[in-house]
Protein backbone atom coordinates (compact mmCIF):
# COMPACT_ATOMS: atom_id res chain seq x y z
CA MET A 1 59.18 -152.46 172.26
CA ARG A 2 60.80 -149.62 174.18
CA GLU A 3 58.99 -147.08 172.00
CA GLN A 4 55.62 -148.69 172.81
CA GLU A 5 56.42 -148.57 176.55
CA ASP A 6 57.21 -144.85 176.25
CA VAL A 7 53.84 -144.25 174.58
CA VAL A 8 52.04 -146.11 177.37
CA THR A 9 53.91 -144.15 180.03
CA GLU A 10 53.22 -140.82 178.35
CA ARG A 11 49.51 -141.57 178.01
CA MET A 12 49.20 -142.74 181.60
CA GLU A 13 50.80 -139.52 182.85
CA GLN A 14 48.67 -137.28 180.64
CA PRO A 15 45.26 -137.48 182.35
CA GLN A 16 46.43 -136.71 185.87
CA HIS A 17 46.33 -132.91 185.47
CA LEU A 18 42.87 -132.87 183.90
CA PRO A 19 39.57 -132.24 185.72
CA ALA A 20 37.58 -135.41 186.34
CA ALA A 21 34.75 -134.37 184.03
CA VAL A 22 37.20 -133.73 181.19
CA MET A 23 38.83 -137.13 181.70
CA LYS A 24 35.39 -138.74 181.31
CA ILE A 25 34.89 -136.85 178.04
CA VAL A 26 38.33 -137.91 176.78
CA LEU A 27 37.59 -141.51 177.75
CA GLY A 28 34.20 -141.42 176.03
CA SER A 29 35.75 -140.01 172.85
CA LEU A 30 38.47 -142.67 172.95
CA LEU A 31 35.88 -145.44 173.27
CA GLU A 32 33.82 -144.02 170.42
CA ARG A 33 36.89 -143.86 168.19
CA ARG A 34 37.97 -147.41 169.02
CA ARG A 35 34.40 -148.70 168.47
CA ASN A 36 34.30 -147.14 165.02
CA GLU A 37 37.76 -148.47 164.16
CA ALA A 38 36.61 -151.93 165.25
CA GLY A 39 33.59 -151.65 162.96
CA LYS A 40 31.12 -152.03 165.83
CA THR A 41 27.81 -150.22 166.26
CA GLN A 42 26.50 -148.75 169.49
CA GLY A 43 23.93 -151.53 169.45
CA GLU A 44 26.64 -154.19 169.38
CA ALA A 45 28.48 -152.45 172.21
CA ALA A 46 25.25 -152.32 174.19
CA GLN A 47 24.76 -156.05 173.65
CA SER A 48 28.17 -156.79 175.16
CA LEU A 49 27.17 -154.88 178.31
CA ALA A 50 23.58 -156.18 178.31
CA CYS A 51 22.30 -152.61 178.35
CA GLY A 52 20.43 -150.20 176.12
CA GLN A 53 22.04 -148.25 173.28
CA SER A 54 21.35 -145.02 175.19
CA LYS A 55 23.88 -146.09 177.82
CA ILE A 56 26.63 -146.41 175.21
CA ALA A 57 25.73 -142.94 173.93
CA TYR A 58 25.91 -141.69 177.53
CA ILE A 59 29.35 -143.24 178.04
CA GLU A 60 30.72 -141.92 174.75
CA GLY A 61 29.33 -138.48 175.59
CA GLY A 62 31.45 -138.31 178.74
CA GLY A 63 29.03 -139.71 181.30
CA GLY A 64 31.56 -142.09 182.82
CA ILE A 65 31.87 -145.87 183.00
CA LYS A 66 32.62 -148.57 185.56
CA LEU A 67 35.94 -150.42 185.29
CA ALA A 68 34.30 -153.81 184.64
CA GLU A 69 32.23 -152.34 181.80
CA LEU A 70 35.28 -150.56 180.40
CA ASN A 71 37.21 -153.84 180.27
CA VAL A 72 34.37 -155.53 178.37
CA LEU A 73 34.28 -152.76 175.74
CA LEU A 74 38.05 -152.64 175.37
CA GLU A 75 38.09 -156.39 174.76
CA LEU A 76 35.26 -156.09 172.23
CA TYR A 77 37.18 -153.36 170.37
CA GLN A 78 40.46 -155.36 170.55
CA ALA A 79 42.21 -152.34 172.04
CA SER A 80 46.01 -152.17 172.09
CA GLU A 81 48.01 -152.42 175.30
CA ALA A 82 48.67 -148.68 175.12
CA ASP A 83 44.94 -147.92 174.88
CA LEU A 84 44.17 -150.38 177.66
CA ALA A 85 46.58 -148.62 180.02
CA TYR A 86 45.49 -145.13 178.99
CA ALA A 87 41.75 -145.89 179.24
CA ARG A 88 42.08 -147.55 182.63
CA SER A 89 44.16 -144.63 183.91
CA LEU A 90 41.52 -142.18 182.71
CA GLN A 91 38.76 -144.20 184.35
CA ALA A 92 40.59 -144.42 187.69
CA GLU A 93 41.57 -140.75 187.81
CA SER A 94 38.13 -139.53 186.75
CA ASN A 95 36.53 -141.15 189.80
CA LYS A 96 38.73 -139.38 192.33
CA ARG A 97 37.08 -136.66 194.37
CA ALA A 98 38.40 -133.11 194.40
CA LYS A 99 40.83 -132.44 197.21
CA ARG A 100 39.44 -130.65 200.23
CA GLY A 101 40.32 -126.97 200.03
CA ALA A 102 40.79 -127.02 196.23
CA PHE A 103 40.36 -123.60 194.61
CA SER A 104 37.16 -124.64 192.80
CA THR A 105 35.46 -125.44 196.12
CA ARG A 106 35.23 -121.70 196.80
CA PHE A 107 32.56 -121.50 194.12
CA LYS A 108 28.99 -122.72 193.76
CA GLN A 109 28.64 -126.30 192.57
CA GLN A 110 27.56 -125.37 189.03
CA LEU A 111 30.71 -123.26 188.58
CA ARG A 112 33.27 -125.78 189.79
CA LEU A 113 33.89 -127.48 186.46
CA LEU A 114 34.35 -124.06 184.86
CA ILE A 115 36.95 -123.13 187.49
CA ASP A 116 38.72 -126.47 187.00
CA VAL A 117 38.94 -126.24 183.22
CA GLU A 118 40.15 -122.62 182.98
CA PRO A 119 43.70 -123.36 184.20
CA THR A 120 44.01 -126.78 182.57
CA CYS A 121 42.83 -126.29 178.98
CA ASN A 122 45.27 -125.64 176.14
CA ARG A 123 43.08 -123.05 174.42
CA LEU A 124 40.13 -120.95 175.54
CA PHE A 125 37.76 -119.26 173.09
CA CYS A 126 35.20 -116.84 174.54
CA HIS A 127 32.42 -114.67 173.08
CA ARG A 128 30.54 -112.05 175.10
CA SER A 129 27.78 -109.79 173.79
CA THR A 130 27.20 -107.20 176.56
CA VAL A 131 29.52 -107.97 179.50
CA ILE A 132 33.31 -108.01 179.67
CA PRO A 133 34.51 -111.58 180.43
CA GLY A 134 35.37 -112.29 184.06
CA LEU A 135 39.01 -113.06 183.23
CA LEU A 136 39.39 -109.50 181.88
CA GLN A 137 37.48 -107.52 184.51
CA THR A 138 38.97 -104.98 186.89
CA GLU A 139 38.00 -105.06 190.55
CA ALA A 140 35.75 -102.01 190.13
CA TYR A 141 33.91 -103.59 187.19
CA SER A 142 33.38 -106.85 189.04
CA ARG A 143 32.06 -105.05 192.15
CA ALA A 144 29.69 -102.94 190.05
CA GLN A 145 28.29 -106.08 188.47
CA GLY A 146 27.64 -107.51 191.92
CA ARG A 147 25.77 -104.37 192.96
CA CYS A 148 23.44 -104.73 189.94
CA TRP A 149 22.28 -108.19 191.05
CA ARG A 150 18.72 -108.61 192.30
CA PRO A 151 17.85 -109.45 194.97
CA SER A 152 20.71 -107.32 196.26
CA LEU A 153 23.87 -109.07 197.42
CA SER A 154 25.36 -108.23 200.81
CA THR A 155 28.68 -106.40 201.05
CA GLU A 156 30.27 -109.64 202.26
CA GLU A 157 28.95 -111.55 199.22
CA ILE A 158 30.23 -108.91 196.81
CA ASP A 159 33.64 -108.88 198.54
CA ARG A 160 33.85 -112.68 198.35
CA ASP A 161 32.69 -112.98 194.74
CA THR A 162 35.01 -110.19 193.59
CA ALA A 163 38.02 -111.71 195.34
CA ASN A 164 37.28 -115.11 193.83
CA ARG A 165 36.83 -113.70 190.33
CA LEU A 166 40.10 -111.76 190.49
CA ALA A 167 41.89 -114.84 191.81
CA ARG A 168 40.81 -116.75 188.69
CA GLN A 169 42.75 -114.32 186.49
CA TYR A 170 46.10 -115.89 187.40
CA VAL A 171 45.51 -118.34 184.54
CA LEU A 172 46.40 -115.59 182.05
CA ASP A 173 49.98 -115.72 183.35
CA ASN A 174 50.46 -119.20 181.90
CA GLU A 175 51.93 -118.60 178.45
CA ASP A 176 51.51 -122.28 177.59
CA GLN A 177 47.79 -121.55 177.34
CA HIS A 178 46.19 -119.47 174.60
CA PHE A 179 43.18 -117.23 175.31
CA TRP A 180 41.04 -115.67 172.59
CA PHE A 181 38.23 -113.26 173.49
CA ILE A 182 35.69 -111.77 171.08
CA MET A 183 33.38 -109.07 172.40
CA ASP A 184 30.59 -107.09 170.82
CA GLU A 185 31.30 -103.36 170.98
CA ALA A 186 28.21 -103.15 173.21
CA VAL A 187 30.37 -104.26 176.17
CA LEU A 188 31.97 -100.78 176.14
CA HIS A 189 28.64 -98.99 176.35
CA ARG A 190 26.47 -101.13 178.60
CA THR A 191 28.51 -100.56 181.71
CA PRO A 192 27.71 -100.12 185.41
CA LEU A 193 30.81 -97.91 185.96
CA PRO A 194 31.32 -94.13 186.11
CA PRO A 195 33.54 -92.76 183.30
CA GLY A 196 36.81 -92.73 185.26
CA GLU A 197 36.52 -96.34 186.38
CA MET A 198 35.34 -97.48 182.95
CA LYS A 199 38.38 -95.80 181.41
CA ALA A 200 40.61 -97.84 183.73
CA GLN A 201 38.75 -101.00 182.67
CA VAL A 202 39.22 -100.25 178.97
CA LEU A 203 42.92 -99.49 179.43
CA HIS A 204 43.22 -102.76 181.31
CA LEU A 205 41.91 -104.52 178.19
CA VAL A 206 44.65 -102.81 176.18
CA ASP A 207 47.27 -104.02 178.67
CA VAL A 208 45.99 -107.60 178.51
CA LEU A 209 45.95 -107.40 174.71
CA ASP A 210 49.74 -107.01 174.83
CA ARG A 211 50.20 -110.43 176.45
CA PRO A 212 51.69 -112.93 173.99
CA ASN A 213 49.10 -115.59 174.81
CA VAL A 214 45.98 -113.39 174.68
CA GLU A 215 43.95 -112.21 171.68
CA ILE A 216 41.12 -109.69 172.03
CA GLN A 217 38.81 -108.65 169.21
CA LEU A 218 35.89 -106.24 169.18
CA VAL A 219 33.01 -106.58 166.74
CA PRO A 220 32.23 -102.96 165.72
CA PHE A 221 28.64 -101.74 165.56
CA ASP A 222 29.03 -100.96 161.87
CA VAL A 223 29.36 -104.68 161.11
CA GLY A 224 25.65 -105.01 161.73
CA TYR A 225 24.21 -108.42 162.54
CA TYR A 226 26.66 -111.30 162.77
CA MET A 227 26.20 -114.97 163.61
CA GLY A 228 25.70 -115.72 167.30
CA GLN A 229 25.92 -112.08 168.38
CA GLY A 230 23.53 -112.64 171.29
CA HIS A 231 25.11 -115.86 172.55
CA ASP A 232 27.62 -115.92 175.40
CA TYR A 233 29.76 -119.04 175.55
CA THR A 234 33.27 -120.30 176.20
CA VAL A 235 35.05 -123.21 174.52
CA PHE A 236 37.83 -125.03 176.36
CA GLN A 237 40.06 -127.11 174.10
CA TYR A 238 42.35 -129.93 175.23
CA GLU A 239 45.19 -131.43 173.20
CA THR A 240 44.47 -134.86 174.63
CA GLU A 241 44.35 -138.16 172.77
CA PRO A 242 41.80 -137.87 171.33
CA SER A 243 41.46 -134.09 171.51
CA VAL A 244 38.26 -132.79 173.11
CA SER A 245 36.44 -129.50 173.62
CA VAL A 246 34.10 -128.46 176.43
CA VAL A 247 31.54 -125.72 175.74
CA TYR A 248 30.19 -123.64 178.63
CA LEU A 249 27.01 -121.65 177.96
CA GLU A 250 26.20 -118.56 180.02
CA ARG A 251 22.67 -118.40 181.41
CA TYR A 252 20.72 -115.92 183.57
CA ASN A 253 21.75 -117.25 186.98
CA LYS A 254 23.88 -120.26 186.11
CA GLY A 255 25.71 -121.94 183.26
CA GLU A 256 25.36 -125.25 181.51
CA TYR A 257 27.53 -127.41 179.29
CA ALA A 258 26.67 -128.21 175.69
CA GLU A 259 26.47 -131.84 174.63
CA ALA A 260 29.61 -133.23 173.03
CA LYS A 261 27.91 -133.43 169.61
CA GLU A 262 27.32 -129.65 169.70
CA THR A 263 30.93 -128.59 170.21
CA LYS A 264 31.84 -128.64 166.52
CA GLY A 265 29.07 -126.14 165.83
CA TYR A 266 30.39 -123.71 168.44
CA LEU A 267 33.92 -123.93 167.05
CA GLU A 268 32.55 -123.11 163.59
CA LEU A 269 30.54 -120.23 165.08
CA PHE A 270 33.65 -118.82 166.75
CA ASP A 271 35.46 -118.85 163.39
CA GLN A 272 32.62 -116.83 161.87
CA GLN A 273 32.76 -114.36 164.75
CA LYS A 274 36.52 -113.97 164.34
CA ALA A 275 35.92 -113.07 160.71
CA ALA A 276 33.30 -110.46 161.68
CA ALA A 277 35.47 -108.89 164.39
CA ALA A 278 38.08 -106.18 163.97
CA GLY A 279 41.73 -107.27 163.92
CA GLN A 280 44.08 -106.80 166.86
CA GLU A 281 45.42 -103.36 165.89
CA ARG A 282 42.01 -101.99 164.93
CA THR A 283 40.66 -103.31 168.25
CA ARG A 284 43.51 -101.61 170.13
CA HIS A 285 42.82 -98.35 168.31
CA ARG A 286 39.09 -98.54 169.11
CA LEU A 287 39.76 -99.26 172.79
CA LEU A 288 42.20 -96.34 173.10
CA GLU A 289 39.81 -94.06 171.21
CA PHE A 290 36.94 -95.02 173.52
CA ALA A 291 39.10 -94.56 176.65
CA ALA A 292 40.08 -91.07 175.46
CA SER A 293 36.41 -90.14 175.12
CA LEU A 294 35.65 -90.90 178.78
């Protein structure tokens, strides 16, 4: 009995550090798992809520659910007391608004989930084809990117965006998180920086590579074509119960999040890209070689 109480307590404490959107995804995944274990279809779940099957798919995909509806589904699935407590805690926490003055509120609305998940995920997997990831950029690189934007940004906008991007990099200090970056070698050549500043950027990559919780791999040009080489995305993994992943896709002037059913494909793609990329020491050698040429 005591052991079961400890499990309930642990699960109720777990969701409180997660972003609201992630808690909805965890809750949806939990409900899908319990539905399958109970031998119920989405149609049967929809009947219990007097709604369409699409709503159940929406809930299980992380769209959120009202408490009354949650209770109906949990009863249908004959959920345990531990799951009841955990699911209700997730539902309650996921409906809380972000605190005024929270770090993510410095950013545009479409970026706020990204800023919330960076410091809270257990693992981050990132692929970039032509641009060095924001978490690895020097101030000079970030400013140069801002100057390339059209229509042109004001000095104040570039100052603000650069300061915010650099402030995000504190997450790399958390050794409980693991960060893995794969970059096409093109990121070294398609640069807005003069040679001296680009050399500093490349040496910064070498420094970050020495962190115990960071992996950086380059995909050399001589590899030729490899799967997903033109796709920029980031996967945020959470060791929740059940575990979930959030995939952020880079777009021209904004980002979007892949549907839950697509996340497995991106994890498989990242494994293929890891296989195509050079190992850590070969990557270090290539970075130092390139820096010496500048």
